[in-house]
């Protein structure tokens, strides 16, 4: 029962983070009119990375709710990318001497990602996502 609730909670958190990531590029376009016209390819790729991660996170959330075996692996990949991204952001914030809410946000994301890595590697959680084998097959 505890595992089922935590999986659903993880899917909800993943969905929320994904929706925030998907809103990033449209926000830039609305907040800064003409933003897309002067983007170079590297800048466009950098700005579209959160969108790609958001789409991946939504697909993973749906897979978690349906208890698909690939979703357990996918959430671990998403968690690792989130942790790496947040560590790099904290490192960047340190080099430009910027503190405040950014630290809190990225530390929270690191904690969520680390908890996903631990939780989705537990034996009990792996059993929930194990494919069902049919008798006589």
C-alpha atoms as a PDB file:
ATOM      1  CA  UNK A   1       0.000   0.000   0.000  1.00  0.00           C
ATOM      2  CA  UNK A   2       2.802   2.431   0.933  1.00  0.00           C
ATOM      3  CA  UNK A   3       4.554   1.706  -2.359  1.00  0.00           C
ATOM      4  CA  UNK A   4       1.420   2.404  -4.381  1.00  0.00           C
ATOM      5  CA  UNK A   5       0.867   5.771  -2.698  1.00  0.00           C
ATOM      6  CA  UNK A   6       4.507   6.783  -3.169  1.00  0.00           C
ATOM      7  CA  UNK A   7       4.416   5.822  -6.849  1.00  0.00           C
ATOM      8  CA  UNK A   8       1.284   7.944  -7.360  1.00  0.00           C
ATOM      9  CA  UNK A   9       2.877  10.831  -5.446  1.00  0.00           C
ATOM     10  CA  UNK A  10       6.030  10.531  -7.562  1.00  0.00           C
ATOM     11  CA  UNK A  11       3.925  10.615 -10.729  1.00  0.00           C
ATOM     12  CA  UNK A  12       2.141  13.754  -9.487  1.00  0.00           C
ATOM     13  CA  UNK A  13       5.429  15.504  -8.653  1.00  0.00           C
ATOM     14  CA  UNK A  14       6.901  14.464 -11.995  1.00  0.00           C
ATOM     15  CA  UNK A  15       3.823  15.844 -13.769  1.00  0.00           C
ATOM     16  CA  UNK A  16       4.072  19.167 -11.911  1.00  0.00           C
ATOM     17  CA  UNK A  17       7.780  19.541 -12.724  1.00  0.00           C
ATOM     18  CA  UNK A  18       7.087  18.569 -16.333  1.00  0.00           C
ATOM     19  CA  UNK A  19       4.369  21.181 -16.718  1.00  0.00           C
ATOM     20  CA  UNK A  20       6.719  23.832 -15.309  1.00  0.00           C
ATOM     21  CA  UNK A  21       9.409  22.772 -17.769  1.00  0.00           C
ATOM     22  CA  UNK A  22       6.948  22.810 -20.672  1.00  0.00           C
ATOM     23  CA  UNK A  23       5.924  26.368 -19.752  1.00  0.00           C
ATOM     24  CA  UNK A  24       9.517  27.675 -19.855  1.00  0.00           C
ATOM     25  CA  UNK A  25       9.899  28.365 -23.576  1.00  0.00           C
ATOM     26  CA  UNK A  26       6.388  29.835 -24.050  1.00  0.00           C
ATOM     27  CA  UNK A  27       7.067  32.061 -21.026  1.00  0.00           C
ATOM     28  CA  UNK A  28      10.257  33.361 -22.637  1.00  0.00           C
ATOM     29  CA  UNK A  29       8.390  34.036 -25.877  1.00  0.00           C
ATOM     30  CA  UNK A  30       5.617  35.948 -24.089  1.00  0.00           C
ATOM     31  CA  UNK A  31       7.770  37.792 -21.568  1.00  0.00           C
ATOM     32  CA  UNK A  32      10.309  38.920 -24.152  1.00  0.00           C
ATOM     33  CA  UNK A  33       8.607  39.693 -27.480  1.00  0.00           C
ATOM     34  CA  UNK A  34      10.859  38.854 -30.400  1.00  0.00           C
ATOM     35  CA  UNK A  35      12.879  36.433 -28.247  1.00  0.00           C
ATOM     36  CA  UNK A  36      12.841  33.680 -30.870  1.00  0.00           C
ATOM     37  CA  UNK A  37      13.969  35.851 -33.785  1.00  0.00           C
ATOM     38  CA  UNK A  38      17.524  36.414 -32.626  1.00  0.00           C
ATOM     39  CA  UNK A  39      18.256  32.992 -31.132  1.00  0.00           C
ATOM     40  CA  UNK A  40      21.250  31.126 -32.459  1.00  0.00           C
ATOM     41  CA  UNK A  41      21.131  27.337 -32.711  1.00  0.00           C
ATOM     42  CA  UNK A  42      22.988  26.687 -29.405  1.00  0.00           C
ATOM     43  CA  UNK A  43      20.711  29.141 -27.587  1.00  0.00           C
ATOM     44  CA  UNK A  44      17.626  27.538 -29.113  1.00  0.00           C
ATOM     45  CA  UNK A  45      18.808  24.080 -28.058  1.00  0.00           C
ATOM     46  CA  UNK A  46      19.493  25.338 -24.536  1.00  0.00           C
ATOM     47  CA  UNK A  47      16.058  26.951 -24.304  1.00  0.00           C
ATOM     48  CA  UNK A  48      14.281  23.888 -25.705  1.00  0.00           C
ATOM     49  CA  UNK A  49      15.970  21.387 -23.369  1.00  0.00           C
ATOM     50  CA  UNK A  50      13.432  21.995 -20.553  1.00  0.00           C
ATOM     51  CA  UNK A  51      10.641  21.436 -23.080  1.00  0.00           C
ATOM     52  CA  UNK A  52      12.097  18.079 -24.094  1.00  0.00           C
ATOM     53  CA  UNK A  53      12.574  17.090 -20.440  1.00  0.00           C
ATOM     54  CA  UNK A  54       8.997  18.156 -19.699  1.00  0.00           C
ATOM     55  CA  UNK A  55       7.618  15.975 -22.469  1.00  0.00           C
ATOM     56  CA  UNK A  56       9.725  13.039 -21.266  1.00  0.00           C
ATOM     57  CA  UNK A  57       8.510  13.620 -17.701  1.00  0.00           C
ATOM     58  CA  UNK A  58       4.843  13.601 -18.746  1.00  0.00           C
ATOM     59  CA  UNK A  59       5.259  10.330 -20.622  1.00  0.00           C
ATOM     60  CA  UNK A  60       7.070   8.885 -17.602  1.00  0.00           C
ATOM     61  CA  UNK A  61       4.278  10.021 -15.252  1.00  0.00           C
ATOM     62  CA  UNK A  62       1.680   8.241 -17.353  1.00  0.00           C
ATOM     63  CA  UNK A  63       3.847   5.122 -17.409  1.00  0.00           C
ATOM     64  CA  UNK A  64       4.252   5.245 -13.622  1.00  0.00           C
ATOM     65  CA  UNK A  65       0.505   5.445 -13.105  1.00  0.00           C
ATOM     66  CA  UNK A  66       0.057   2.434 -15.422  1.00  0.00           C
ATOM     67  CA  UNK A  67       2.915   0.584 -13.676  1.00  0.00           C
ATOM     68  CA  UNK A  68       4.869   0.038 -16.899  1.00  0.00           C
ATOM     69  CA  UNK A  69       8.322  -1.528 -16.357  1.00  0.00           C
ATOM     70  CA  UNK A  70      10.031   1.033 -18.628  1.00  0.00           C
ATOM     71  CA  UNK A  71       8.639   3.893 -16.505  1.00  0.00           C
ATOM     72  CA  UNK A  72      10.683   2.790 -13.478  1.00  0.00           C
ATOM     73  CA  UNK A  73      13.868   3.073 -15.523  1.00  0.00           C
ATOM     74  CA  UNK A  74      12.726   6.310 -17.142  1.00  0.00           C
ATOM     75  CA  UNK A  75      12.059   8.017 -13.798  1.00  0.00           C
ATOM     76  CA  UNK A  76      15.578   7.099 -12.706  1.00  0.00           C
ATOM     77  CA  UNK A  77      17.015   8.686 -15.846  1.00  0.00           C
ATOM     78  CA  UNK A  78      14.839  11.781 -15.314  1.00  0.00           C
ATOM     79  CA  UNK A  79      15.988  11.925 -11.673  1.00  0.00           C
ATOM     80  CA  UNK A  80      19.650  11.680 -12.651  1.00  0.00           C
ATOM     81  CA  UNK A  81      19.256  14.466 -15.229  1.00  0.00           C
ATOM     82  CA  UNK A  82      17.405  16.655 -12.699  1.00  0.00           C
ATOM     83  CA  UNK A  83      20.132  16.133 -10.109  1.00  0.00           C
ATOM     84  CA  UNK A  84      22.890  16.890 -12.605  1.00  0.00           C
ATOM     85  CA  UNK A  85      21.085  19.983 -13.905  1.00  0.00           C
ATOM     86  CA  UNK A  86      20.491  21.307 -10.382  1.00  0.00           C
ATOM     87  CA  UNK A  87      24.089  20.667  -9.323  1.00  0.00           C
ATOM     88  CA  UNK A  88      25.307  22.602 -12.367  1.00  0.00           C
ATOM     89  CA  UNK A  89      22.865  25.434 -11.609  1.00  0.00           C
ATOM     90  CA  UNK A  90      24.070  25.620  -7.994  1.00  0.00           C
ATOM     91  CA  UNK A  91      27.676  25.639  -9.214  1.00  0.00           C
ATOM     92  CA  UNK A  92      26.853  28.450 -11.638  1.00  0.00           C
ATOM     93  CA  UNK A  93      25.048  30.404  -8.920  1.00  0.00           C
ATOM     94  CA  UNK A  94      28.101  30.023  -6.708  1.00  0.00           C
ATOM     95  CA  UNK A  95      30.449  31.375  -9.372  1.00  0.00           C
ATOM     96  CA  UNK A  96      28.324  34.472  -9.975  1.00  0.00           C
ATOM     97  CA  UNK A  97      27.740  34.937  -6.229  1.00  0.00           C
ATOM     98  CA  UNK A  98      23.965  34.558  -6.491  1.00  0.00           C
ATOM     99  CA  UNK A  99      21.974  33.084  -3.645  1.00  0.00           C
ATOM    100  CA  UNK A 100      18.419  33.014  -2.404  1.00  0.00           C
ATOM    101  CA  UNK A 101      15.407  31.174  -3.727  1.00  0.00           C
ATOM    102  CA  UNK A 102      17.456  29.559  -6.508  1.00  0.00           C
ATOM    103  CA  UNK A 103      19.396  27.585  -3.890  1.00  0.00           C
ATOM    104  CA  UNK A 104      16.187  26.431  -2.236  1.00  0.00           C
ATOM    105  CA  UNK A 105      14.573  25.380  -5.513  1.00  0.00           C
ATOM    106  CA  UNK A 106      17.581  23.451  -6.789  1.00  0.00           C
ATOM    107  CA  UNK A 107      18.266  21.820  -3.427  1.00  0.00           C
ATOM    108  CA  UNK A 108      14.630  20.669  -3.350  1.00  0.00           C
ATOM    109  CA  UNK A 109      14.942  19.245  -6.865  1.00  0.00           C
ATOM    110  CA  UNK A 110      18.123  17.393  -5.852  1.00  0.00           C
ATOM    111  CA  UNK A 111      16.329  15.894  -2.837  1.00  0.00           C
ATOM    112  CA  UNK A 112      13.363  14.800  -4.966  1.00  0.00           C
ATOM    113  CA  UNK A 113      15.674  13.275  -7.578  1.00  0.00           C
ATOM    114  CA  UNK A 114      17.732  11.449  -4.947  1.00  0.00           C
ATOM    115  CA  UNK A 115      14.590  10.087  -3.293  1.00  0.00           C
ATOM    116  CA  UNK A 116      13.382   8.801  -6.677  1.00  0.00           C
ATOM    117  CA  UNK A 117      16.707   7.067  -7.296  1.00  0.00           C
ATOM    118  CA  UNK A 118      16.515   5.338  -3.914  1.00  0.00           C
ATOM    119  CA  UNK A 119      12.787   4.529  -3.979  1.00  0.00           C
ATOM    120  CA  UNK A 120      12.643   3.151  -7.520  1.00  0.00           C
ATOM    121  CA  UNK A 121      15.629   0.879  -6.813  1.00  0.00           C
ATOM    122  CA  UNK A 122      14.023  -0.778  -3.774  1.00  0.00           C
ATOM    123  CA  UNK A 123      13.147  -4.444  -4.162  1.00  0.00           C
ATOM    124  CA  UNK A 124       9.492  -3.851  -3.258  1.00  0.00           C
ATOM    125  CA  UNK A 125       9.136  -1.111  -5.878  1.00  0.00           C
ATOM    126  CA  UNK A 126      10.861  -3.219  -8.528  1.00  0.00           C
ATOM    127  CA  UNK A 127       8.334  -5.985  -7.826  1.00  0.00           C
ATOM    128  CA  UNK A 128       5.422  -3.616  -8.533  1.00  0.00           C
ATOM    129  CA  UNK A 129       6.854  -2.841 -11.974  1.00  0.00           C
ATOM    130  CA  UNK A 130       7.882  -6.407 -12.833  1.00  0.00           C
ATOM    131  CA  UNK A 131       6.174  -7.664 -15.999  1.00  0.00           C
ATOM    132  CA  UNK A 132       3.456 -10.205 -15.359  1.00  0.00           C
ATOM    133  CA  UNK A 133       4.417 -13.605 -16.720  1.00  0.00           C
ATOM    134  CA  UNK A 134       1.684 -15.770 -18.106  1.00  0.00           C
ATOM    135  CA  UNK A 135       1.499 -19.410 -17.059  1.00  0.00           C
ATOM    136  CA  UNK A 136       2.519 -21.899 -19.719  1.00  0.00           C
ATOM    137  CA  UNK A 137       4.152 -19.284 -21.933  1.00  0.00           C
END
